[in-house]
């Protein structure tokens, strides 16, 4: 109903609805209410208690990592950054998104460690992440979450949930159940292969000299309507250093990042990997062949850093399906699962009191 229609008064009274017509109308309304109610219950997981819903996934994170109100259920420990992306125009052949036009767009982002414990100590081999929100001139946004491993461990949400459980240490022994893990790997050769790929890429010394990978495939659409499968990663300008040094500093990775950004801006090149026919777009655990074309489309610069205690970026949901025109999801089932789970985590933490970040405002201001 339009605004004009809502203010109009009917000049002819509606005929009363009687008999079979009334019964039919009530039946239709009843069916609609049942469908809507059923969808709501299904989405909540109430009618399928053993199904993997977004709520069930978040519940598992909370069970394994503990309850930490106000924090993300995964990648809980983090720090916020800002900067810009300088496009060189090379991405326009693949995508019509404004972000790939020559020029600069602002970005906000967040470095973090994998896991749901916001006060965990930094360790050399904890998976690191970088989430970025690109702000286009037309108001559209591109949000992406990347991690410092070149492939994901599984291909489906169900497999991720199972891997999350079997790879978590027993709270009493502190050890992973090797028999359960062996059984999982035997049933999932793609995970065993992914672990070998990850093991062949040593972790760097910190956040600044890490590459970060988007992992999932997307479809880029150019101005001519041509669609191309694409993955992306960012390559650091900062020189690589091995990351095996031991330290007793609980926040040593974040402290090093703070010092580096205070010293000078950090830079990464945004690299697009162009898929070919037959390359899997629904299998995040499978690498594309190494000879696939790689296009450097511009430089990401990060020049400011701020504690989550004061940054509005703390409250951003880096949903991977927030995409501008010119970038579309692929058939990867992990994308919709990530989006729904992030939303569930966001809703919970936004309704909770905020606790101080492990990386304080005083620490960032050093």
Protein backbone atom coordinates (compact mmCIF):
# COMPACT_ATOMS: atom_id res chain seq x y z
CA UNK A 1 0.00 0.00 0.00
CA UNK A 2 1.36 3.42 -0.95
CA UNK A 3 1.13 6.56 1.18
CA UNK A 4 -1.71 7.89 -0.96
CA UNK A 5 -3.61 4.64 -0.76
CA UNK A 6 -3.35 4.54 3.02
CA UNK A 7 -5.19 7.88 3.27
CA UNK A 8 -8.06 7.00 0.95
CA UNK A 9 -11.51 6.03 2.27
CA UNK A 10 -13.49 3.51 0.30
CA UNK A 11 -16.73 4.96 -1.00
CA UNK A 12 -18.40 1.58 -1.33
CA UNK A 13 -18.73 -0.64 1.77
CA UNK A 14 -17.19 -4.05 1.29
CA UNK A 15 -19.65 -6.89 1.01
CA UNK A 16 -19.76 -9.12 4.11
CA UNK A 17 -17.85 -12.38 3.83
CA UNK A 18 -20.05 -15.33 4.65
CA UNK A 19 -20.17 -19.08 4.52
CA UNK A 20 -17.65 -20.94 2.39
CA UNK A 21 -15.77 -17.75 1.48
CA UNK A 22 -15.14 -16.96 5.15
CA UNK A 23 -13.96 -20.50 5.86
CA UNK A 24 -11.63 -20.39 2.85
CA UNK A 25 -10.13 -17.06 3.90
CA UNK A 26 -9.51 -18.27 7.46
CA UNK A 27 -7.94 -21.44 6.10
CA UNK A 28 -5.52 -19.45 3.95
CA UNK A 29 -4.58 -17.25 6.90
CA UNK A 30 -4.07 -20.35 9.04
CA UNK A 31 -1.78 -21.92 6.46
CA UNK A 32 0.29 -18.74 6.17
CA UNK A 33 0.67 -18.49 9.95
CA UNK A 34 1.69 -22.14 10.14
CA UNK A 35 4.31 -21.71 7.42
CA UNK A 36 5.74 -18.55 9.01
CA UNK A 37 5.76 -20.17 12.44
CA UNK A 38 7.38 -23.30 11.05
CA UNK A 39 10.12 -21.30 9.37
CA UNK A 40 10.77 -19.42 12.60
CA UNK A 41 10.96 -22.62 14.62
CA UNK A 42 13.20 -24.25 12.03
CA UNK A 43 15.53 -21.26 11.97
CA UNK A 44 15.74 -21.46 15.76
CA UNK A 45 16.51 -25.15 15.64
CA UNK A 46 13.46 -26.06 17.76
CA UNK A 47 11.94 -28.56 15.36
CA UNK A 48 15.29 -30.10 14.43
CA UNK A 49 17.24 -30.35 17.69
CA UNK A 50 20.06 -32.34 16.07
CA UNK A 51 20.40 -30.11 13.00
CA UNK A 52 23.34 -27.77 12.69
CA UNK A 53 21.81 -24.31 12.95
CA UNK A 54 23.65 -21.00 13.41
CA UNK A 55 22.58 -21.08 17.07
CA UNK A 56 23.97 -24.59 17.46
CA UNK A 57 27.29 -23.55 15.92
CA UNK A 58 27.61 -20.56 18.26
CA UNK A 59 26.59 -22.75 21.21
CA UNK A 60 29.48 -25.07 20.38
CA UNK A 61 31.96 -22.19 20.39
CA UNK A 62 30.63 -21.14 23.78
CA UNK A 63 30.83 -24.69 25.15
CA UNK A 64 34.42 -25.20 23.97
CA UNK A 65 35.82 -21.73 24.76
CA UNK A 66 33.61 -20.66 27.63
CA UNK A 67 31.13 -17.81 27.94
CA UNK A 68 32.63 -14.35 27.36
CA UNK A 69 29.78 -11.81 27.18
CA UNK A 70 30.21 -8.93 24.76
CA UNK A 71 32.87 -10.62 22.64
CA UNK A 72 32.81 -12.37 19.28
CA UNK A 73 32.35 -16.13 19.66
CA UNK A 74 35.32 -16.70 17.36
CA UNK A 75 38.33 -14.42 16.76
CA UNK A 76 37.48 -12.90 20.12
CA UNK A 77 40.84 -11.25 20.87
CA UNK A 78 41.51 -8.38 18.50
CA UNK A 79 42.45 -4.80 17.82
CA UNK A 80 40.96 -2.28 15.38
CA UNK A 81 42.68 -0.45 12.52
CA UNK A 82 41.94 2.05 9.76
CA UNK A 83 43.55 3.02 6.49
CA UNK A 84 42.78 2.98 2.78
CA UNK A 85 42.88 0.90 -0.39
CA UNK A 86 44.58 2.40 -3.45
CA UNK A 87 43.29 0.71 -6.61
CA UNK A 88 45.49 0.63 -9.71
CA UNK A 89 42.51 -0.10 -12.00
CA UNK A 90 43.65 -3.61 -12.93
CA UNK A 91 40.61 -5.21 -11.28
CA UNK A 92 38.09 -3.52 -13.60
CA UNK A 93 38.51 -6.18 -16.29
CA UNK A 94 36.98 -8.68 -13.84
CA UNK A 95 34.59 -6.60 -11.73
CA UNK A 96 32.48 -3.48 -12.12
CA UNK A 97 32.68 -2.77 -8.37
CA UNK A 98 33.66 0.83 -7.67
CA UNK A 99 36.41 -0.32 -5.33
CA UNK A 100 38.45 -1.43 -8.37
CA UNK A 101 38.32 1.90 -10.18
CA UNK A 102 41.61 3.82 -10.03
CA UNK A 103 41.80 5.80 -6.83
CA UNK A 104 41.53 5.52 -3.08
CA UNK A 105 38.73 4.28 -0.79
CA UNK A 106 38.80 4.27 3.03
CA UNK A 107 38.89 1.01 4.97
CA UNK A 108 38.34 -0.07 8.55
CA UNK A 109 39.53 -3.42 9.83
CA UNK A 110 40.38 -5.71 12.68
CA UNK A 111 43.36 -7.97 13.39
CA UNK A 112 42.50 -10.93 15.61
CA UNK A 113 43.43 -14.42 16.77
CA UNK A 114 41.25 -17.44 16.08
CA UNK A 115 39.30 -18.87 19.00
CA UNK A 116 36.67 -17.66 21.39
CA UNK A 117 38.87 -16.71 24.35
CA UNK A 118 39.38 -12.91 24.40
CA UNK A 119 42.14 -13.02 27.04
CA UNK A 120 44.17 -15.94 25.68
CA UNK A 121 47.93 -15.49 25.45
CA UNK A 122 49.42 -14.90 22.00
CA UNK A 123 51.24 -17.92 20.57
CA UNK A 124 53.33 -18.29 17.38
CA UNK A 125 51.02 -20.81 15.73
CA UNK A 126 47.56 -19.47 16.58
CA UNK A 127 45.72 -18.68 13.35
CA UNK A 128 45.63 -14.92 12.73
CA UNK A 129 42.94 -13.01 10.90
CA UNK A 130 42.42 -9.68 9.22
CA UNK A 131 38.88 -8.48 8.50
CA UNK A 132 38.40 -5.44 6.27
CA UNK A 133 35.45 -3.25 5.29
CA UNK A 134 35.97 -1.26 2.07
CA UNK A 135 33.78 1.87 1.84
CA UNK A 136 32.81 2.68 -1.77
CA UNK A 137 31.86 6.24 -2.87
CA UNK A 138 28.35 5.04 -3.79
CA UNK A 139 27.70 3.87 -0.21
CA UNK A 140 28.04 0.17 -0.94
CA UNK A 141 30.45 -1.88 1.15
CA UNK A 142 32.68 -4.87 0.63
CA UNK A 143 33.37 -6.86 3.79
CA UNK A 144 35.86 -9.69 3.89
CA UNK A 145 37.41 -11.83 6.61
CA UNK A 146 40.80 -13.40 5.81
CA UNK A 147 43.15 -15.69 7.74
CA UNK A 148 46.84 -16.52 7.45
CA UNK A 149 46.48 -20.06 6.12
CA UNK A 150 46.25 -20.70 2.34
CA UNK A 151 43.36 -23.19 2.40
CA UNK A 152 40.53 -23.98 4.78
CA UNK A 153 40.36 -27.30 6.61
CA UNK A 154 36.94 -28.51 5.47
CA UNK A 155 34.36 -27.98 2.75
CA UNK A 156 31.03 -27.95 4.62
CA UNK A 157 29.58 -26.37 7.76
CA UNK A 158 28.84 -29.80 9.22
CA UNK A 159 32.44 -30.92 8.74
CA UNK A 160 33.71 -27.70 10.32
CA UNK A 161 31.53 -28.27 13.37
CA UNK A 162 32.77 -31.84 13.76
CA UNK A 163 36.41 -30.78 13.26
CA UNK A 164 35.96 -28.03 15.83
CA UNK A 165 34.85 -30.61 18.39
CA UNK A 166 37.40 -33.38 17.68
CA UNK A 167 40.34 -30.94 17.52
CA UNK A 168 39.55 -29.31 20.88
CA UNK A 169 41.64 -30.51 23.85
CA UNK A 170 39.92 -32.47 26.57
CA UNK A 171 39.39 -30.07 29.52
CA UNK A 172 40.66 -32.70 31.96
CA UNK A 173 43.77 -33.91 30.12
CA UNK A 174 44.55 -30.89 27.96
CA UNK A 175 45.08 -33.24 25.02
CA UNK A 176 43.24 -33.84 21.76
CA UNK A 177 41.63 -37.27 21.36
CA UNK A 178 43.99 -38.75 18.78
CA UNK A 179 41.64 -41.63 17.97
CA UNK A 180 38.74 -39.26 17.22
CA UNK A 181 41.00 -37.03 15.14
CA UNK A 182 42.39 -40.01 13.24
CA UNK A 183 38.88 -41.21 12.48
CA UNK A 184 37.89 -37.77 11.20
CA UNK A 185 40.92 -37.52 8.92
CA UNK A 186 40.31 -41.01 7.57
CA UNK A 187 36.80 -39.97 6.58
CA UNK A 188 37.91 -36.59 5.26
CA UNK A 189 40.99 -36.93 3.04
CA UNK A 190 40.50 -33.32 1.91
CA UNK A 191 41.25 -32.19 5.47
CA UNK A 192 44.37 -34.35 5.66
CA UNK A 193 45.54 -32.84 2.35
CA UNK A 194 44.75 -29.30 3.54
CA UNK A 195 46.79 -29.83 6.70
CA UNK A 196 49.80 -30.77 4.56
CA UNK A 197 49.40 -27.60 2.49
CA UNK A 198 49.11 -25.48 5.62
CA UNK A 199 52.14 -27.18 7.14
CA UNK A 200 54.21 -26.28 4.10
CA UNK A 201 53.54 -22.55 4.69
CA UNK A 202 55.37 -21.50 7.87
CA UNK A 203 53.79 -18.85 10.05
CA UNK A 204 55.49 -15.47 10.07
CA UNK A 205 56.68 -13.60 13.16
CA UNK A 206 53.60 -11.45 13.54
CA UNK A 207 50.55 -9.78 12.05
CA UNK A 208 52.47 -7.33 9.86
CA UNK A 209 54.50 -9.84 7.82
CA UNK A 210 51.64 -12.34 7.37
CA UNK A 211 49.79 -12.94 4.14
CA UNK A 212 46.03 -13.30 4.56
CA UNK A 213 43.75 -15.43 2.39
CA UNK A 214 40.06 -15.07 1.58
CA UNK A 215 39.79 -18.88 1.14
CA UNK A 216 36.28 -18.95 -0.35
CA UNK A 217 35.64 -18.49 -4.06
CA UNK A 218 33.42 -15.68 -5.33
CA UNK A 219 32.08 -14.62 -8.76
CA UNK A 220 33.32 -11.34 -10.18
CA UNK A 221 31.05 -9.68 -12.74
CA UNK A 222 32.42 -6.98 -15.05
CA UNK A 223 30.68 -4.16 -16.91
CA UNK A 224 29.91 -6.51 -19.81
CA UNK A 225 28.14 -8.98 -17.53
CA UNK A 226 30.93 -11.56 -17.78
CA UNK A 227 31.27 -13.72 -14.66
CA UNK A 228 34.60 -15.13 -13.49
CA UNK A 229 35.44 -17.29 -10.45
CA UNK A 230 37.94 -15.49 -8.22
CA UNK A 231 39.75 -15.98 -4.93
CA UNK A 232 41.81 -13.27 -3.26
CA UNK A 233 44.66 -12.89 -0.83
CA UNK A 234 46.86 -10.05 0.36
CA UNK A 235 50.65 -10.10 0.18
CA UNK A 236 52.64 -8.06 2.73
CA UNK A 237 55.27 -5.52 1.76
CA UNK A 238 56.84 -6.15 5.17
CA UNK A 239 59.69 -8.68 4.99
CA UNK A 240 58.91 -12.19 6.20
CA UNK A 241 60.48 -13.39 9.44
CA UNK A 242 60.06 -16.84 11.00
CA UNK A 243 57.55 -16.97 13.83
CA UNK A 244 58.83 -19.66 16.19
CA UNK A 245 60.38 -17.47 18.87
CA UNK A 246 59.09 -18.12 22.38
CA UNK A 247 58.04 -15.28 24.70
CA UNK A 248 56.30 -14.78 28.02
CA UNK A 249 54.62 -11.55 26.85
CA UNK A 250 50.90 -12.36 26.77
CA UNK A 251 50.15 -9.78 24.07
CA UNK A 252 53.43 -9.91 22.16
CA UNK A 253 51.83 -10.21 18.69
CA UNK A 254 49.56 -7.23 19.31
CA UNK A 255 52.30 -5.20 21.00
CA UNK A 256 54.57 -5.70 17.99
CA UNK A 257 51.78 -4.61 15.64
CA UNK A 258 51.14 -1.49 17.71
CA UNK A 259 54.82 -0.55 17.61
CA UNK A 260 55.04 -1.12 13.86
CA UNK A 261 51.98 0.97 13.00
CA UNK A 262 53.12 3.79 15.30
CA UNK A 263 56.44 3.71 13.47
CA UNK A 264 55.12 3.74 9.89
CA UNK A 265 52.12 2.61 7.80
CA UNK A 266 51.91 -1.07 6.87
CA UNK A 267 51.16 -2.22 3.30
CA UNK A 268 49.74 -5.29 1.58
CA UNK A 269 49.02 -5.93 -2.12
CA UNK A 270 45.54 -7.23 -2.94
CA UNK A 271 45.99 -10.19 -5.29
CA UNK A 272 43.16 -11.77 -7.30
CA UNK A 273 43.56 -15.41 -8.32
CA UNK A 274 41.54 -16.05 -11.48
CA UNK A 275 39.82 -19.41 -11.71
CA UNK A 276 39.43 -21.48 -14.87
CA UNK A 277 36.65 -23.86 -15.96
CA UNK A 278 36.72 -26.91 -13.75
CA UNK A 279 38.33 -25.19 -10.77
CA UNK A 280 36.21 -26.03 -7.69
CA UNK A 281 34.31 -23.07 -6.28
CA UNK A 282 32.48 -24.98 -3.53
CA UNK A 283 35.56 -26.57 -1.92
CA UNK A 284 37.46 -24.19 0.33
CA UNK A 285 39.82 -27.01 1.41
CA UNK A 286 41.08 -27.46 -2.16
CA UNK A 287 43.72 -25.20 -3.68
CA UNK A 288 43.48 -24.10 -7.29
CA UNK A 289 46.44 -25.01 -9.52
CA UNK A 290 49.53 -22.87 -8.92
CA UNK A 291 49.64 -21.70 -12.54
CA UNK A 292 46.39 -19.73 -12.24
CA UNK A 293 46.67 -16.07 -13.24
CA UNK A 294 47.32 -13.66 -10.36
CA UNK A 295 46.48 -9.97 -10.69
CA UNK A 296 47.77 -7.28 -8.34
CA UNK A 297 44.85 -4.83 -8.18
CA UNK A 298 46.13 -2.33 -5.63
CA UNK A 299 47.62 -1.65 -2.22
CA UNK A 300 46.05 -1.82 1.23
CA UNK A 301 47.59 0.67 3.67
CA UNK A 302 46.94 0.51 7.42
CA UNK A 303 48.12 3.58 9.30
CA UNK A 304 46.15 3.84 12.57
CA UNK A 305 45.40 1.38 15.36
CA UNK A 306 42.92 1.56 18.26
CA UNK A 307 41.76 -0.62 21.12
CA UNK A 308 38.36 -2.23 20.80
CA UNK A 309 37.42 -0.42 24.00
CA UNK A 310 37.08 2.83 22.06
CA UNK A 311 36.74 1.86 18.38
CA UNK A 312 33.32 1.59 16.69
CA UNK A 313 34.82 -1.18 14.56
CA UNK A 314 34.31 -3.51 17.52
CA UNK A 315 30.61 -3.54 16.67
CA UNK A 316 30.97 -4.27 12.95
CA UNK A 317 29.82 -7.66 11.71
CA UNK A 318 32.29 -8.64 8.97
CA UNK A 319 29.65 -10.64 7.10
CA UNK A 320 31.27 -12.16 3.97
CA UNK A 321 28.03 -11.74 2.03
CA UNK A 322 28.01 -7.95 2.35
CA UNK A 323 29.18 -7.38 -1.22
CA UNK A 324 29.01 -4.53 -3.74
CA UNK A 325 27.60 -4.87 -7.23
CA UNK A 326 30.30 -6.65 -9.23
CA UNK A 327 31.09 -9.28 -6.58
CA UNK A 328 28.70 -12.18 -5.99
CA UNK A 329 28.79 -15.32 -3.85
CA UNK A 330 29.84 -18.63 -5.37
CA UNK A 331 28.20 -21.97 -4.60
CA UNK A 332 30.47 -22.48 -1.58
CA UNK A 333 28.17 -23.64 1.28
CA UNK A 334 30.51 -22.15 3.87
CA UNK A 335 29.62 -18.61 2.77
CA UNK A 336 25.97 -18.71 3.83
CA UNK A 337 26.91 -20.63 6.97
CA UNK A 338 29.52 -18.02 7.92
CA UNK A 339 27.05 -15.21 7.28
CA UNK A 340 24.33 -16.79 9.43
CA UNK A 341 26.70 -17.73 12.25
CA UNK A 342 28.28 -14.25 12.31
CA UNK A 343 24.79 -12.79 12.56
CA UNK A 344 23.95 -15.06 15.49
CA UNK A 345 27.18 -14.13 17.28
CA UNK A 346 26.61 -10.43 16.56
CA UNK A 347 23.06 -10.52 17.93
CA UNK A 348 24.17 -12.19 21.14
CA UNK A 349 27.11 -9.93 21.88
CA UNK A 350 25.23 -6.74 21.05
CA UNK A 351 22.72 -7.61 23.78
CA UNK A 352 25.43 -8.21 26.37
CA UNK A 353 27.50 -5.85 28.56
CA UNK A 354 30.93 -5.02 27.15
CA UNK A 355 34.05 -6.14 28.99
CA UNK A 356 37.48 -4.53 28.57
CA UNK A 357 39.65 -5.75 25.70
CA UNK A 358 42.86 -7.64 26.44
CA UNK A 359 44.59 -4.99 24.31
CA UNK A 360 43.78 -1.83 26.26
CA UNK A 361 43.61 1.77 25.18
CA UNK A 362 46.73 2.48 27.27
CA UNK A 363 48.60 -0.34 25.54
CA UNK A 364 47.65 0.87 22.07
CA UNK A 365 48.63 4.41 22.96
CA UNK A 366 52.19 3.52 23.88
